Amino acid sequence: MGFGNDAIRSLFIAKKLGAAFDQTLTLGRQSWYCSKKKLIDYARHYDVKQAEMEGIVFEDDYSEPVLYALGAKQVDSMDFSDYEKASVIHDLNKPIPVTLKDSYSMVIDAGTLEHIFNFPTAIKNCMEMLKVNGFFITVTNGNNFLGHGFYQFSPELLYRVFSPENGFKVEHMFLVIPSDGKKETWYSVNDPDKVKSRINVSNNKPVFVI
């Protein structure tokens, strides 16, 4: 699990939308797969202070320094074991304890939920850990990831989960074809319920849902 270019870009989009990174939780500790130059480019493009990005010092392979540079005062990571020294040990297949509810302004999934068998409980946990006005970001499997984890997710599933009826609003939904040495390709995806049509994708390359 880790932050590549697509995941990092999604963080800057959230920052531009006004998302508060104050109390951030990542599902699993996130490694770092984005160049510092790319980080500074994103900062310039999304009007985030470049000095904060230029001053980042990575002491290991993990990405907490990026989240602090984006405004986090607290960064936690959740995993079912402590093998990567996650700060919160919990199996997302099971409901979270009451003490974790309403605890975070930001919850980030960058490669975990597709590996959790009990997805309904896992996603409910993510929703319940957020404070009012909190942000949830996911970078997860869409198309052509057969064999990677248990699931490939449809945008329609996430639109229905993060619906006004459940107390949420989807600010942006993207399908992203990762870079093959060039620039990654991003497509904005409408809510099928609003356009009254299926949103179908058929291709021969991996596609992330963000």
C-alpha atoms as a PDB file:
ATOM      1  CA  MET A   1       0.000   0.000   0.000  1.00  0.00           C
ATOM      2  CA  GLY A   2       1.251   3.430  -0.764  1.00  0.00           C
ATOM      3  CA  PHE A   3       0.799   6.909  -2.170  1.00  0.00           C
ATOM      4  CA  GLY A   4       1.608   7.076  -5.870  1.00  0.00           C
ATOM      5  CA  ASN A   5       0.989  10.039  -8.152  1.00  0.00           C
ATOM      6  CA  ASP A   6      -2.758   9.415  -8.378  1.00  0.00           C
ATOM      7  CA  ALA A   7      -3.235   9.138  -4.609  1.00  0.00           C
ATOM      8  CA  ILE A   8      -1.130  12.241  -3.976  1.00  0.00           C
ATOM      9  CA  ARG A   9      -3.098  14.223  -6.535  1.00  0.00           C
ATOM     10  CA  SER A  10      -6.336  13.229  -4.802  1.00  0.00           C
ATOM     11  CA  LEU A  11      -4.969  14.647  -1.534  1.00  0.00           C
ATOM     12  CA  PHE A  12      -4.238  17.991  -3.178  1.00  0.00           C
ATOM     13  CA  ILE A  13      -7.724  18.054  -4.736  1.00  0.00           C
ATOM     14  CA  ALA A  14      -9.197  17.506  -1.276  1.00  0.00           C
ATOM     15  CA  LYS A  15      -6.992  20.256   0.150  1.00  0.00           C
ATOM     16  CA  LYS A  16      -8.193  22.678  -2.518  1.00  0.00           C
ATOM     17  CA  LEU A  17     -11.805  21.757  -1.644  1.00  0.00           C
ATOM     18  CA  GLY A  18     -11.155  22.790   1.955  1.00  0.00           C
ATOM     19  CA  ALA A  19     -10.683  19.379   3.516  1.00  0.00           C
ATOM     20  CA  ALA A  20      -9.190  19.483   7.006  1.00  0.00           C
ATOM     21  CA  PHE A  21      -6.235  17.149   7.477  1.00  0.00           C
ATOM     22  CA  ASP A  22      -6.030  18.032  11.188  1.00  0.00           C
ATOM     23  CA  GLN A  23      -6.733  14.508  12.454  1.00  0.00           C
ATOM     24  CA  THR A  24      -5.874  12.071   9.666  1.00  0.00           C
ATOM     25  CA  LEU A  25      -6.190   8.301   9.651  1.00  0.00           C
ATOM     26  CA  THR A  26      -4.789   6.091   6.900  1.00  0.00           C
ATOM     27  CA  LEU A  27      -5.911   2.491   6.475  1.00  0.00           C
ATOM     28  CA  GLY A  28      -2.567   0.788   6.753  1.00  0.00           C
ATOM     29  CA  ARG A  29       0.706   2.712   6.848  1.00  0.00           C
ATOM     30  CA  GLN A  30       1.249   4.232   3.434  1.00  0.00           C
ATOM     31  CA  SER A  31       4.580   3.990   1.669  1.00  0.00           C
ATOM     32  CA  TRP A  32       5.811   6.777  -0.591  1.00  0.00           C
ATOM     33  CA  TYR A  33       5.906   6.302  -4.384  1.00  0.00           C
ATOM     34  CA  CYS A  34       5.838   9.889  -5.682  1.00  0.00           C
ATOM     35  CA  SER A  35       8.830  12.058  -6.513  1.00  0.00           C
ATOM     36  CA  LYS A  36       9.389  15.240  -4.562  1.00  0.00           C
ATOM     37  CA  LYS A  37       9.378  17.163  -7.838  1.00  0.00           C
ATOM     38  CA  LYS A  38       5.887  15.823  -8.590  1.00  0.00           C
ATOM     39  CA  LEU A  39       4.789  16.788  -5.105  1.00  0.00           C
ATOM     40  CA  ILE A  40       5.942  20.374  -5.647  1.00  0.00           C
ATOM     41  CA  ASP A  41       4.289  20.443  -9.089  1.00  0.00           C
ATOM     42  CA  TYR A  42       0.973  19.447  -7.507  1.00  0.00           C
ATOM     43  CA  ALA A  43       1.409  22.089  -4.818  1.00  0.00           C
ATOM     44  CA  ARG A  44       1.904  24.743  -7.504  1.00  0.00           C
ATOM     45  CA  HIS A  45      -1.073  23.516  -9.547  1.00  0.00           C
ATOM     46  CA  TYR A  46      -3.487  23.299  -6.614  1.00  0.00           C
ATOM     47  CA  ASP A  47      -2.371  26.511  -4.864  1.00  0.00           C
ATOM     48  CA  VAL A  48      -0.836  24.816  -1.838  1.00  0.00           C
ATOM     49  CA  LYS A  49       2.212  26.415  -0.222  1.00  0.00           C
ATOM     50  CA  GLN A  50       5.236  25.049  -2.057  1.00  0.00           C
ATOM     51  CA  ALA A  51       7.551  25.805   0.852  1.00  0.00           C
ATOM     52  CA  GLU A  52       5.742  23.204   2.942  1.00  0.00           C
ATOM     53  CA  MET A  53       6.434  20.566   0.283  1.00  0.00           C
ATOM     54  CA  GLU A  54      10.011  21.656  -0.371  1.00  0.00           C
ATOM     55  CA  GLY A  55      10.787  21.347   3.339  1.00  0.00           C
ATOM     56  CA  ILE A  56       9.620  17.739   3.659  1.00  0.00           C
ATOM     57  CA  VAL A  57      12.184  15.331   5.040  1.00  0.00           C
ATOM     58  CA  PHE A  58      11.514  11.601   4.727  1.00  0.00           C
ATOM     59  CA  GLU A  59      13.109   9.634   7.554  1.00  0.00           C
ATOM     60  CA  ASP A  60      11.861   6.297   6.183  1.00  0.00           C
ATOM     61  CA  ASP A  61       9.707   4.922   3.349  1.00  0.00           C
ATOM     62  CA  TYR A  62       6.412   6.081   4.844  1.00  0.00           C
ATOM     63  CA  SER A  63       4.317   9.070   3.848  1.00  0.00           C
ATOM     64  CA  GLU A  64       3.351  10.722   7.144  1.00  0.00           C
ATOM     65  CA  PRO A  65       5.550  13.796   6.389  1.00  0.00           C
ATOM     66  CA  VAL A  66       3.363  14.600   3.361  1.00  0.00           C
ATOM     67  CA  LEU A  67       0.212  14.566   5.480  1.00  0.00           C
ATOM     68  CA  TYR A  68       1.810  16.836   8.076  1.00  0.00           C
ATOM     69  CA  ALA A  69       2.849  19.204   5.273  1.00  0.00           C
ATOM     70  CA  LEU A  70      -0.801  19.283   4.144  1.00  0.00           C
ATOM     71  CA  GLY A  71      -1.860  20.466   7.587  1.00  0.00           C
ATOM     72  CA  ALA A  72      -2.206  17.385   9.749  1.00  0.00           C
ATOM     73  CA  LYS A  73      -1.614  17.794  13.467  1.00  0.00           C
ATOM     74  CA  GLN A  74      -2.203  14.098  14.143  1.00  0.00           C
ATOM     75  CA  VAL A  75      -1.584  11.188  11.759  1.00  0.00           C
ATOM     76  CA  ASP A  76      -2.664   7.687  12.716  1.00  0.00           C
ATOM     77  CA  SER A  77      -2.567   4.472  10.722  1.00  0.00           C
ATOM     78  CA  MET A  78      -4.819   1.459  11.255  1.00  0.00           C
ATOM     79  CA  ASP A  79      -3.904  -2.155  10.616  1.00  0.00           C
ATOM     80  CA  PHE A  80      -4.841  -5.560  12.001  1.00  0.00           C
ATOM     81  CA  SER A  81      -1.236  -6.139  13.128  1.00  0.00           C
ATOM     82  CA  ASP A  82       1.703  -4.009  14.205  1.00  0.00           C
ATOM     83  CA  TYR A  83       4.189  -5.383  11.668  1.00  0.00           C
ATOM     84  CA  GLU A  84       4.469  -1.935  10.005  1.00  0.00           C
ATOM     85  CA  LYS A  85       4.110  -0.141  13.352  1.00  0.00           C
ATOM     86  CA  ALA A  86       0.583   1.115  12.755  1.00  0.00           C
ATOM     87  CA  SER A  87      -0.598   3.301  15.614  1.00  0.00           C
ATOM     88  CA  VAL A  88      -4.118   1.822  15.804  1.00  0.00           C
ATOM     89  CA  ILE A  89      -4.460  -1.960  15.807  1.00  0.00           C
ATOM     90  CA  HIS A  90      -7.895  -3.096  14.637  1.00  0.00           C
ATOM     91  CA  ASP A  91      -9.346  -5.655  12.224  1.00  0.00           C
ATOM     92  CA  LEU A  92     -11.674  -3.714   9.896  1.00  0.00           C
ATOM     93  CA  ASN A  93     -13.754  -6.856   9.403  1.00  0.00           C
ATOM     94  CA  LYS A  94     -15.099  -6.108  12.882  1.00  0.00           C
ATOM     95  CA  PRO A  95     -16.952  -2.998  14.153  1.00  0.00           C
ATOM     96  CA  ILE A  96     -14.756  -0.289  15.612  1.00  0.00           C
ATOM     97  CA  PRO A  97     -14.908   0.441  19.346  1.00  0.00           C
ATOM     98  CA  VAL A  98     -16.931   3.459  20.483  1.00  0.00           C
ATOM     99  CA  THR A  99     -13.706   5.283  21.346  1.00  0.00           C
ATOM    100  CA  LEU A 100     -12.795   5.539  17.644  1.00  0.00           C
ATOM    101  CA  LYS A 101     -16.089   7.020  16.473  1.00  0.00           C
ATOM    102  CA  ASP A 102     -16.085  10.707  15.433  1.00  0.00           C
ATOM    103  CA  SER A 103     -12.303  10.834  15.840  1.00  0.00           C
ATOM    104  CA  TYR A 104     -10.906  11.995  12.489  1.00  0.00           C
ATOM    105  CA  SER A 105     -11.329  14.867  10.062  1.00  0.00           C
ATOM    106  CA  MET A 106      -9.850  12.725   7.269  1.00  0.00           C
ATOM    107  CA  VAL A 107      -9.857   8.983   6.570  1.00  0.00           C
ATOM    108  CA  ILE A 108      -7.770   7.771   3.623  1.00  0.00           C
ATOM    109  CA  ASP A 109      -7.910   4.380   1.942  1.00  0.00           C
ATOM    110  CA  ALA A 110      -5.151   3.866  -0.610  1.00  0.00           C
ATOM    111  CA  GLY A 111      -5.211   0.145  -1.210  1.00  0.00           C
ATOM    112  CA  THR A 112      -6.820  -1.527   1.803  1.00  0.00           C
ATOM    113  CA  LEU A 113     -10.583  -1.926   1.393  1.00  0.00           C
ATOM    114  CA  GLU A 114     -10.317  -4.357  -1.521  1.00  0.00           C
ATOM    115  CA  HIS A 115      -8.485  -6.698   0.867  1.00  0.00           C
ATOM    116  CA  ILE A 116     -11.160  -6.607   3.611  1.00  0.00           C
ATOM    117  CA  PHE A 117     -13.610  -9.485   3.165  1.00  0.00           C
ATOM    118  CA  ASN A 118     -16.389  -7.892   5.237  1.00  0.00           C
ATOM    119  CA  PHE A 119     -16.632  -4.745   3.122  1.00  0.00           C
ATOM    120  CA  PRO A 120     -19.990  -3.489   4.553  1.00  0.00           C
ATOM    121  CA  THR A 121     -18.523  -3.433   8.065  1.00  0.00           C
ATOM    122  CA  ALA A 122     -15.208  -1.958   6.882  1.00  0.00           C
ATOM    123  CA  ILE A 123     -16.804   0.940   5.006  1.00  0.00           C
ATOM    124  CA  LYS A 124     -19.225   1.596   7.873  1.00  0.00           C
ATOM    125  CA  ASN A 125     -16.216   1.809  10.181  1.00  0.00           C
ATOM    126  CA  CYS A 126     -14.650   4.436   7.914  1.00  0.00           C
ATOM    127  CA  MET A 127     -17.849   6.472   7.918  1.00  0.00           C
ATOM    128  CA  GLU A 128     -18.276   6.270  11.688  1.00  0.00           C
ATOM    129  CA  MET A 129     -14.682   7.316  12.403  1.00  0.00           C
ATOM    130  CA  LEU A 130     -15.216  10.617  10.589  1.00  0.00           C
ATOM    131  CA  LYS A 131     -16.198  13.787  12.369  1.00  0.00           C
ATOM    132  CA  VAL A 132     -19.000  15.946  10.985  1.00  0.00           C
ATOM    133  CA  ASN A 133     -17.684  17.695   7.832  1.00  0.00           C
ATOM    134  CA  GLY A 134     -14.903  15.126   7.585  1.00  0.00           C
ATOM    135  CA  PHE A 135     -13.524  13.818   4.280  1.00  0.00           C
ATOM    136  CA  PHE A 136     -13.100  10.247   3.063  1.00  0.00           C
ATOM    137  CA  ILE A 137     -10.695   9.540   0.198  1.00  0.00           C
ATOM    138  CA  THR A 138     -10.346   6.170  -1.469  1.00  0.00           C
ATOM    139  CA  VAL A 139      -7.980   5.039  -4.203  1.00  0.00           C
ATOM    140  CA  THR A 140      -9.231   1.557  -4.951  1.00  0.00           C
ATOM    141  CA  ASN A 141      -9.597  -1.129  -7.594  1.00  0.00           C
ATOM    142  CA  GLY A 142     -11.898  -0.473 -10.523  1.00  0.00           C
ATOM    143  CA  ASN A 143     -11.294  -2.383 -13.750  1.00  0.00           C
ATOM    144  CA  ASN A 144      -8.739  -5.078 -14.657  1.00  0.00           C
ATOM    145  CA  PHE A 145      -7.468  -5.881 -11.154  1.00  0.00           C
ATOM    146  CA  LEU A 146      -8.655  -9.497 -11.119  1.00  0.00           C
ATOM    147  CA  GLY A 147      -6.606 -11.386  -8.544  1.00  0.00           C
ATOM    148  CA  HIS A 148      -5.644  -8.304  -6.546  1.00  0.00           C
ATOM    149  CA  GLY A 149      -7.667  -8.487  -3.365  1.00  0.00           C
ATOM    150  CA  PHE A 150     -11.252  -9.698  -2.999  1.00  0.00           C
ATOM    151  CA  TYR A 151     -13.055  -6.944  -4.910  1.00  0.00           C
ATOM    152  CA  GLN A 152     -13.147  -4.542  -7.833  1.00  0.00           C
ATOM    153  CA  PHE A 153     -15.452  -1.612  -7.063  1.00  0.00           C
ATOM    154  CA  SER A 154     -17.997   0.209  -9.187  1.00  0.00           C
ATOM    155  CA  PRO A 155     -18.427   3.982  -8.847  1.00  0.00           C
ATOM    156  CA  GLU A 156     -22.149   3.338  -8.370  1.00  0.00           C
ATOM    157  CA  LEU A 157     -21.458   1.417  -5.154  1.00  0.00           C
ATOM    158  CA  LEU A 158     -19.549   4.366  -3.699  1.00  0.00           C
ATOM    159  CA  TYR A 159     -22.200   6.853  -4.836  1.00  0.00           C
ATOM    160  CA  ARG A 160     -24.865   4.824  -3.018  1.00  0.00           C
ATOM    161  CA  VAL A 161     -22.760   4.372   0.120  1.00  0.00           C
ATOM    162  CA  PHE A 162     -21.684   8.025   0.385  1.00  0.00           C
ATOM    163  CA  SER A 163     -25.163   9.368  -0.324  1.00  0.00           C
ATOM    164  CA  PRO A 164     -27.102  12.206   1.326  1.00  0.00           C
ATOM    165  CA  GLU A 165     -29.349   9.537   2.875  1.00  0.00           C
ATOM    166  CA  ASN A 166     -26.276   8.299   4.740  1.00  0.00           C
ATOM    167  CA  GLY A 167     -25.140  11.804   5.679  1.00  0.00           C
ATOM    168  CA  PHE A 168     -22.507  12.234   2.953  1.00  0.00           C
ATOM    169  CA  LYS A 169     -21.965  14.000  -0.360  1.00  0.00           C
ATOM    170  CA  VAL A 170     -19.625  12.888  -3.131  1.00  0.00           C
ATOM    171  CA  GLU A 171     -17.565  15.918  -4.126  1.00  0.00           C
ATOM    172  CA  HIS A 172     -15.699  14.157  -6.932  1.00  0.00           C
ATOM    173  CA  MET A 173     -15.587  10.678  -8.417  1.00  0.00           C
ATOM    174  CA  PHE A 174     -12.832   9.774 -10.860  1.00  0.00           C
ATOM    175  CA  LEU A 175     -11.766   6.808 -12.925  1.00  0.00           C
ATOM    176  CA  VAL A 176      -8.002   6.930 -13.329  1.00  0.00           C
ATOM    177  CA  ILE A 177      -5.753   4.992 -15.685  1.00  0.00           C
ATOM    178  CA  PRO A 178      -2.331   4.957 -13.973  1.00  0.00           C
ATOM    179  CA  SER A 179       0.732   6.297 -15.735  1.00  0.00           C
ATOM    180  CA  ASP A 180       2.720   3.965 -17.973  1.00  0.00           C
ATOM    181  CA  GLY A 181       5.653   6.348 -17.982  1.00  0.00           C
ATOM    182  CA  LYS A 182       3.521   9.220 -19.203  1.00  0.00           C
ATOM    183  CA  LYS A 183       0.803  11.293 -17.545  1.00  0.00           C
ATOM    184  CA  GLU A 184      -2.016   9.345 -15.906  1.00  0.00           C
ATOM    185  CA  THR A 185      -5.498   9.783 -17.412  1.00  0.00           C
ATOM    186  CA  TRP A 186      -8.391  11.021 -15.258  1.00  0.00           C
ATOM    187  CA  TYR A 187     -12.114  10.825 -16.093  1.00  0.00           C
ATOM    188  CA  SER A 188     -14.847  12.462 -14.025  1.00  0.00           C
ATOM    189  CA  VAL A 189     -17.746  10.084 -13.340  1.00  0.00           C
ATOM    190  CA  ASN A 190     -21.363  11.175 -12.855  1.00  0.00           C
ATOM    191  CA  ASP A 191     -23.815   9.513 -10.497  1.00  0.00           C
ATOM    192  CA  PRO A 192     -25.749   6.865 -12.479  1.00  0.00           C
ATOM    193  CA  ASP A 193     -28.853   7.756 -10.470  1.00  0.00           C
ATOM    194  CA  LYS A 194     -28.720  11.322 -11.789  1.00  0.00           C
ATOM    195  CA  VAL A 195     -27.934  10.549 -15.420  1.00  0.00           C
ATOM    196  CA  LYS A 196     -30.376   7.592 -15.388  1.00  0.00           C
ATOM    197  CA  SER A 197     -27.896   5.353 -17.133  1.00  0.00           C
ATOM    198  CA  ARG A 198     -25.264   2.777 -16.329  1.00  0.00           C
ATOM    199  CA  ILE A 199     -21.675   4.011 -16.268  1.00  0.00           C
ATOM    200  CA  ASN A 200     -19.878   1.218 -18.106  1.00  0.00           C
ATOM    201  CA  VAL A 201     -16.145   0.905 -18.679  1.00  0.00           C
ATOM    202  CA  SER A 202     -14.559  -1.698 -20.941  1.00  0.00           C
ATOM    203  CA  ASN A 203     -10.817  -1.498 -21.535  1.00  0.00           C
ATOM    204  CA  ASN A 204      -7.581  -3.450 -21.302  1.00  0.00           C
ATOM    205  CA  LYS A 205      -5.720  -1.380 -18.704  1.00  0.00           C
ATOM    206  CA  PRO A 206      -5.975  -1.172 -14.913  1.00  0.00           C
ATOM    207  CA  VAL A 207      -8.394   1.519 -13.728  1.00  0.00           C
ATOM    208  CA  PHE A 208      -8.555   3.010 -10.242  1.00  0.00           C
ATOM    209  CA  VAL A 209     -11.687   4.464  -8.676  1.00  0.00           C
ATOM    210  CA  ILE A 210     -10.896   7.608  -6.700  1.00  0.00           C
END
